[in-house]
Amino acid sequence: MKVTITFETDMNEDGLDQTVTVERNNMVDLNDMAYLFVDSIRAGGFTYVERVGIDKGQDEVIWSIL
């Protein structure tokens, strides 16, 4: 699976006019997805994010632990 995440900032709202795109190929499981999310969030400017979790229900969470 190929996943593409794009952040677009606006000069009026953000003071910066740019687009940041993170694209990954060969995504096979939720571990891959969790790492993509944290990398994308950081690339979008939220550099303080350390990890993200995907809740599968029944108290099972997949974390993007580095």
PDB file of N, CA and C in Angstrom:
ATOM      1  N   MET A   1       0.849  -1.171   0.000  1.00  0.00           N
ATOM      2  CA  MET A   1       0.000   0.000   0.000  1.00  0.00           C
ATOM      3  C   MET A   1       0.897   1.237   0.000  1.00  0.00           C
ATOM      4  N   LYS A   2       0.484   2.235  -0.720  1.00  0.00           N
ATOM      5  CA  LYS A   2       1.165   3.525  -0.740  1.00  0.00           C
ATOM      6  C   LYS A   2       0.307   4.522   0.030  1.00  0.00           C
ATOM      7  N   VAL A   3       0.952   5.292   0.934  1.00  0.00           N
ATOM      8  CA  VAL A   3       0.239   6.295   1.727  1.00  0.00           C
ATOM      9  C   VAL A   3       0.947   7.633   1.540  1.00  0.00           C
ATOM     10  N   THR A   4       0.156   8.680   1.307  1.00  0.00           N
ATOM     11  CA  THR A   4       0.681  10.033   1.141  1.00  0.00           C
ATOM     12  C   THR A   4      -0.049  10.964   2.090  1.00  0.00           C
ATOM     13  N   ILE A   5       0.721  11.735   2.867  1.00  0.00           N
ATOM     14  CA  ILE A   5       0.159  12.720   3.792  1.00  0.00           C
ATOM     15  C   ILE A   5       0.744  14.070   3.432  1.00  0.00           C
ATOM     16  N   THR A   6      -0.122  15.072   3.262  1.00  0.00           N
ATOM     17  CA  THR A   6       0.317  16.407   2.876  1.00  0.00           C
ATOM     18  C   THR A   6      -0.174  17.443   3.866  1.00  0.00           C
ATOM     19  N   PHE A   7       0.741  18.322   4.286  1.00  0.00           N
ATOM     20  CA  PHE A   7       0.418  19.481   5.110  1.00  0.00           C
ATOM     21  C   PHE A   7       0.571  20.716   4.243  1.00  0.00           C
ATOM     22  N   GLU A   8      -0.426  21.581   4.250  1.00  0.00           N
ATOM     23  CA  GLU A   8      -0.354  22.846   3.523  1.00  0.00           C
ATOM     24  C   GLU A   8      -0.518  23.986   4.512  1.00  0.00           C
ATOM     25  N   THR A   9       0.435  24.905   4.500  1.00  0.00           N
ATOM     26  CA  THR A   9       0.336  26.076   5.364  1.00  0.00           C
ATOM     27  C   THR A   9       0.001  27.287   4.517  1.00  0.00           C
ATOM     28  N   ASP A  10      -0.650  28.256   5.142  1.00  0.00           N
ATOM     29  CA  ASP A  10      -1.138  29.448   4.468  1.00  0.00           C
ATOM     30  C   ASP A  10      -0.473  30.681   5.079  1.00  0.00           C
ATOM     31  N   MET A  11      -0.057  31.595   4.244  1.00  0.00           N
ATOM     32  CA  MET A  11       0.615  32.804   4.714  1.00  0.00           C
ATOM     33  C   MET A  11      -0.238  33.572   5.714  1.00  0.00           C
ATOM     34  N   ASN A  12      -1.535  33.684   5.480  1.00  0.00           N
ATOM     35  CA  ASN A  12      -2.415  34.436   6.376  1.00  0.00           C
ATOM     36  C   ASN A  12      -2.598  33.757   7.730  1.00  0.00           C
ATOM     37  N   GLU A  13      -2.700  32.455   7.729  1.00  0.00           N
ATOM     38  CA  GLU A  13      -2.946  31.727   8.979  1.00  0.00           C
ATOM     39  C   GLU A  13      -1.665  31.350   9.718  1.00  0.00           C
ATOM     40  N   ASP A  14      -0.623  30.979   8.961  1.00  0.00           N
ATOM     41  CA  ASP A  14       0.571  30.405   9.560  1.00  0.00           C
ATOM     42  C   ASP A  14       1.820  31.273   9.422  1.00  0.00           C
ATOM     43  N   GLY A  15       1.751  32.297   8.589  1.00  0.00           N
ATOM     44  CA  GLY A  15       2.921  33.125   8.347  1.00  0.00           C
ATOM     45  C   GLY A  15       3.926  32.482   7.408  1.00  0.00           C
ATOM     46  N   LEU A  16       3.534  31.379   6.812  1.00  0.00           N
ATOM     47  CA  LEU A  16       4.412  30.650   5.910  1.00  0.00           C
ATOM     48  C   LEU A  16       3.548  29.984   4.854  1.00  0.00           C
ATOM     49  N   ASP A  17       3.971  30.077   3.618  1.00  0.00           N
ATOM     50  CA  ASP A  17       3.211  29.500   2.514  1.00  0.00           C
ATOM     51  C   ASP A  17       4.016  28.336   1.939  1.00  0.00           C
ATOM     52  N   GLN A  18       3.651  27.105   2.338  1.00  0.00           N
ATOM     53  CA  GLN A  18       4.410  25.951   1.866  1.00  0.00           C
ATOM     54  C   GLN A  18       3.568  24.688   1.902  1.00  0.00           C
ATOM     55  N   THR A  19       4.081  23.658   1.256  1.00  0.00           N
ATOM     56  CA  THR A  19       3.476  22.327   1.279  1.00  0.00           C
ATOM     57  C   THR A  19       4.553  21.321   1.651  1.00  0.00           C
ATOM     58  N   VAL A  20       4.229  20.430   2.581  1.00  0.00           N
ATOM     59  CA  VAL A  20       5.137  19.355   2.981  1.00  0.00           C
ATOM     60  C   VAL A  20       4.402  18.043   2.743  1.00  0.00           C
ATOM     61  N   THR A  21       5.016  17.149   1.984  1.00  0.00           N
ATOM     62  CA  THR A  21       4.401  15.861   1.683  1.00  0.00           C
ATOM     63  C   THR A  21       5.330  14.736   2.124  1.00  0.00           C
ATOM     64  N   VAL A  22       4.760  13.757   2.826  1.00  0.00           N
ATOM     65  CA  VAL A  22       5.490  12.557   3.213  1.00  0.00           C
ATOM     66  C   VAL A  22       4.784  11.392   2.525  1.00  0.00           C
ATOM     67  N   GLU A  23       5.563  10.586   1.818  1.00  0.00           N
ATOM     68  CA  GLU A  23       4.993   9.472   1.064  1.00  0.00           C
ATOM     69  C   GLU A  23       5.781   8.210   1.379  1.00  0.00           C
ATOM     70  N   ARG A  24       5.065   7.137   1.622  1.00  0.00           N
ATOM     71  CA  ARG A  24       5.704   5.843   1.887  1.00  0.00           C
ATOM     72  C   ARG A  24       5.046   4.771   1.031  1.00  0.00           C
ATOM     73  N   ASN A  25       5.874   3.900   0.522  1.00  0.00           N
ATOM     74  CA  ASN A  25       5.412   2.739  -0.237  1.00  0.00           C
ATOM     75  C   ASN A  25       5.579   1.487   0.610  1.00  0.00           C
ATOM     76  N   ASN A  26       4.928   0.433   0.204  1.00  0.00           N
ATOM     77  CA  ASN A  26       5.057  -0.879   0.840  1.00  0.00           C
ATOM     78  C   ASN A  26       4.651  -0.873   2.315  1.00  0.00           C
ATOM     79  N   MET A  27       3.594  -0.145   2.636  1.00  0.00           N
ATOM     80  CA  MET A  27       3.053  -0.148   3.999  1.00  0.00           C
ATOM     81  C   MET A  27       2.283  -1.462   4.169  1.00  0.00           C
ATOM     82  N   VAL A  28       2.661  -2.256   5.166  1.00  0.00           N
ATOM     83  CA  VAL A  28       2.031  -3.576   5.292  1.00  0.00           C
ATOM     84  C   VAL A  28       1.254  -3.770   6.587  1.00  0.00           C
ATOM     85  N   ASP A  29       1.561  -2.977   7.642  1.00  0.00           N
ATOM     86  CA  ASP A  29       0.853  -3.197   8.898  1.00  0.00           C
ATOM     87  C   ASP A  29       0.719  -1.895   9.687  1.00  0.00           C
ATOM     88  N   LEU A  30       0.089  -1.988  10.844  1.00  0.00           N
ATOM     89  CA  LEU A  30      -0.141  -0.787  11.656  1.00  0.00           C
ATOM     90  C   LEU A  30       1.140  -0.219  12.246  1.00  0.00           C
ATOM     91  N   ASN A  31       2.166  -1.031  12.423  1.00  0.00           N
ATOM     92  CA  ASN A  31       3.450  -0.503  12.867  1.00  0.00           C
ATOM     93  C   ASN A  31       4.006   0.477  11.833  1.00  0.00           C
ATOM     94  N   ASP A  32       3.954   0.080  10.566  1.00  0.00           N
ATOM     95  CA  ASP A  32       4.396   0.982   9.497  1.00  0.00           C
ATOM     96  C   ASP A  32       3.580   2.272   9.516  1.00  0.00           C
ATOM     97  N   MET A  33       2.273   2.140   9.700  1.00  0.00           N
ATOM     98  CA  MET A  33       1.384   3.302   9.700  1.00  0.00           C
ATOM     99  C   MET A  33       1.688   4.233  10.875  1.00  0.00           C
ATOM    100  N   ALA A  34       1.930   3.672  12.047  1.00  0.00           N
ATOM    101  CA  ALA A  34       2.235   4.491  13.223  1.00  0.00           C
ATOM    102  C   ALA A  34       3.510   5.291  13.005  1.00  0.00           C
ATOM    103  N   TYR A  35       4.546   4.669  12.445  1.00  0.00           N
ATOM    104  CA  TYR A  35       5.787   5.384  12.162  1.00  0.00           C
ATOM    105  C   TYR A  35       5.576   6.465  11.111  1.00  0.00           C
ATOM    106  N   LEU A  36       4.783   6.176  10.104  1.00  0.00           N
ATOM    107  CA  LEU A  36       4.475   7.191   9.086  1.00  0.00           C
ATOM    108  C   LEU A  36       3.762   8.379   9.716  1.00  0.00           C
ATOM    109  N   PHE A  37       2.796   8.127  10.586  1.00  0.00           N
ATOM    110  CA  PHE A  37       2.073   9.220  11.233  1.00  0.00           C
ATOM    111  C   PHE A  37       2.997  10.106  12.043  1.00  0.00           C
ATOM    112  N   VAL A  38       3.860   9.508  12.855  1.00  0.00           N
ATOM    113  CA  VAL A  38       4.738  10.336  13.691  1.00  0.00           C
ATOM    114  C   VAL A  38       5.740  11.102  12.830  1.00  0.00           C
ATOM    115  N   ASP A  39       6.279  10.487  11.794  1.00  0.00           N
ATOM    116  CA  ASP A  39       7.197  11.195  10.900  1.00  0.00           C
ATOM    117  C   ASP A  39       6.494  12.335  10.170  1.00  0.00           C
ATOM    118  N   SER A  40       5.261  12.096   9.749  1.00  0.00           N
ATOM    119  CA  SER A  40       4.498  13.122   9.036  1.00  0.00           C
ATOM    120  C   SER A  40       4.148  14.289   9.947  1.00  0.00           C
ATOM    121  N   ILE A  41       3.729  13.985  11.163  1.00  0.00           N
ATOM    122  CA  ILE A  41       3.378  15.039  12.121  1.00  0.00           C
ATOM    123  C   ILE A  41       4.586  15.913  12.402  1.00  0.00           C
ATOM    124  N   ARG A  42       5.754  15.298  12.564  1.00  0.00           N
ATOM    125  CA  ARG A  42       6.983  16.066  12.782  1.00  0.00           C
ATOM    126  C   ARG A  42       7.326  16.921  11.567  1.00  0.00           C
ATOM    127  N   ALA A  43       7.214  16.344  10.383  1.00  0.00           N
ATOM    128  CA  ALA A  43       7.511  17.091   9.158  1.00  0.00           C
ATOM    129  C   ALA A  43       6.562  18.269   8.981  1.00  0.00           C
ATOM    130  N   GLY A  44       5.341  18.119   9.490  1.00  0.00           N
ATOM    131  CA  GLY A  44       4.350  19.185   9.400  1.00  0.00           C
ATOM    132  C   GLY A  44       4.572  20.302  10.405  1.00  0.00           C
ATOM    133  N   GLY A  45       5.597  20.175  11.245  1.00  0.00           N
ATOM    134  CA  GLY A  45       5.940  21.254  12.151  1.00  0.00           C
ATOM    135  C   GLY A  45       5.735  20.972  13.621  1.00  0.00           C
ATOM    136  N   PHE A  46       5.155  19.835  13.941  1.00  0.00           N
ATOM    137  CA  PHE A  46       4.931  19.472  15.339  1.00  0.00           C
ATOM    138  C   PHE A  46       6.111  18.627  15.820  1.00  0.00           C
ATOM    139  N   THR A  47       7.278  19.253  15.909  1.00  0.00           N
ATOM    140  CA  THR A  47       8.532  18.542  16.158  1.00  0.00           C
ATOM    141  C   THR A  47       8.639  17.955  17.558  1.00  0.00           C
ATOM    142  N   TYR A  48       7.783  18.388  18.457  1.00  0.00           N
ATOM    143  CA  TYR A  48       7.825  17.914  19.838  1.00  0.00           C
ATOM    144  C   TYR A  48       7.095  16.587  20.031  1.00  0.00           C
ATOM    145  N   VAL A  49       6.408  16.088  19.004  1.00  0.00           N
ATOM    146  CA  VAL A  49       5.682  14.822  19.117  1.00  0.00           C
ATOM    147  C   VAL A  49       6.689  13.682  19.178  1.00  0.00           C
ATOM    148  N   GLU A  50       6.572  12.848  20.209  1.00  0.00           N
ATOM    149  CA  GLU A  50       7.500  11.742  20.393  1.00  0.00           C
ATOM    150  C   GLU A  50       6.974  10.413  19.876  1.00  0.00           C
ATOM    151  N   ARG A  51       5.662  10.217  19.983  1.00  0.00           N
ATOM    152  CA  ARG A  51       5.079   8.974  19.495  1.00  0.00           C
ATOM    153  C   ARG A  51       3.583   9.149  19.294  1.00  0.00           C
ATOM    154  N   VAL A  52       3.012   8.251  18.497  1.00  0.00           N
ATOM    155  CA  VAL A  52       1.562   8.219  18.301  1.00  0.00           C
ATOM    156  C   VAL A  52       1.102   6.785  18.536  1.00  0.00           C
ATOM    157  N   GLY A  53      -0.166   6.653  18.874  1.00  0.00           N
ATOM    158  CA  GLY A  53      -0.734   5.337  19.098  1.00  0.00           C
ATOM    159  C   GLY A  53      -1.959   5.109  18.234  1.00  0.00           C
ATOM    160  N   ILE A  54      -2.126   3.876  17.809  1.00  0.00           N
ATOM    161  CA  ILE A  54      -3.313   3.464  17.060  1.00  0.00           C
ATOM    162  C   ILE A  54      -4.054   2.457  17.935  1.00  0.00           C
ATOM    163  N   ASP A  55      -5.253   2.827  18.341  1.00  0.00           N
ATOM    164  CA  ASP A  55      -6.054   2.000  19.241  1.00  0.00           C
ATOM    165  C   ASP A  55      -6.827   0.966  18.438  1.00  0.00           C
ATOM    166  N   LYS A  56      -6.501  -0.305  18.637  1.00  0.00           N
ATOM    167  CA  LYS A  56      -7.185  -1.390  17.939  1.00  0.00           C
ATOM    168  C   LYS A  56      -8.406  -1.889  18.696  1.00  0.00           C
ATOM    169  N   GLY A  57      -8.665  -1.296  19.872  1.00  0.00           N
ATOM    170  CA  GLY A  57      -9.785  -1.747  20.694  1.00  0.00           C
ATOM    171  C   GLY A  57      -9.346  -2.850  21.637  1.00  0.00           C
ATOM    172  N   GLN A  58     -10.179  -3.144  22.602  1.00  0.00           N
ATOM    173  CA  GLN A  58      -9.908  -4.188  23.585  1.00  0.00           C
ATOM    174  C   GLN A  58      -8.537  -4.018  24.233  1.00  0.00           C
ATOM    175  N   ASP A  59      -8.198  -2.754  24.563  1.00  0.00           N
ATOM    176  CA  ASP A  59      -6.948  -2.425  25.265  1.00  0.00           C
ATOM    177  C   ASP A  59      -5.678  -2.787  24.493  1.00  0.00           C
ATOM    178  N   GLU A  60      -5.755  -2.801  23.181  1.00  0.00           N
ATOM    179  CA  GLU A  60      -4.556  -3.062  22.369  1.00  0.00           C
ATOM    180  C   GLU A  60      -4.227  -1.809  21.565  1.00  0.00           C
ATOM    181  N   VAL A  61      -3.034  -1.260  21.827  1.00  0.00           N
ATOM    182  CA  VAL A  61      -2.585  -0.038  21.140  1.00  0.00           C
ATOM    183  C   VAL A  61      -1.248  -0.312  20.471  1.00  0.00           C
ATOM    184  N   ILE A  62      -1.127   0.099  19.219  1.00  0.00           N
ATOM    185  CA  ILE A  62       0.129   0.009  18.476  1.00  0.00           C
ATOM    186  C   ILE A  62       0.807   1.372  18.601  1.00  0.00           C
ATOM    187  N   TRP A  63       2.037   1.410  19.166  1.00  0.00           N
ATOM    188  CA  TRP A  63       2.765   2.667  19.372  1.00  0.00           C
ATOM    189  C   TRP A  63       3.908   2.787  18.382  1.00  0.00           C
ATOM    190  N   SER A  64       4.198   4.011  18.022  1.00  0.00           N
ATOM    191  CA  SER A  64       5.347   4.303  17.157  1.00  0.00           C
ATOM    192  C   SER A  64       6.577   4.586  18.008  1.00  0.00           C
ATOM    193  N   ILE A  65       6.981   3.611  18.779  1.00  0.00           N
ATOM    194  CA  ILE A  65       8.109   3.781  19.688  1.00  0.00           C
ATOM    195  C   ILE A  65       9.396   3.722  18.881  1.00  0.00           C
ATOM    196  N   LEU A  66      10.233   4.743  19.078  1.00  0.00           N
ATOM    197  CA  LEU A  66      11.503   4.799  18.343  1.00  0.00           C
ATOM    198  C   LEU A  66      12.570   3.986  19.018  1.00  0.00           C
TER     199      LEU A  66
END
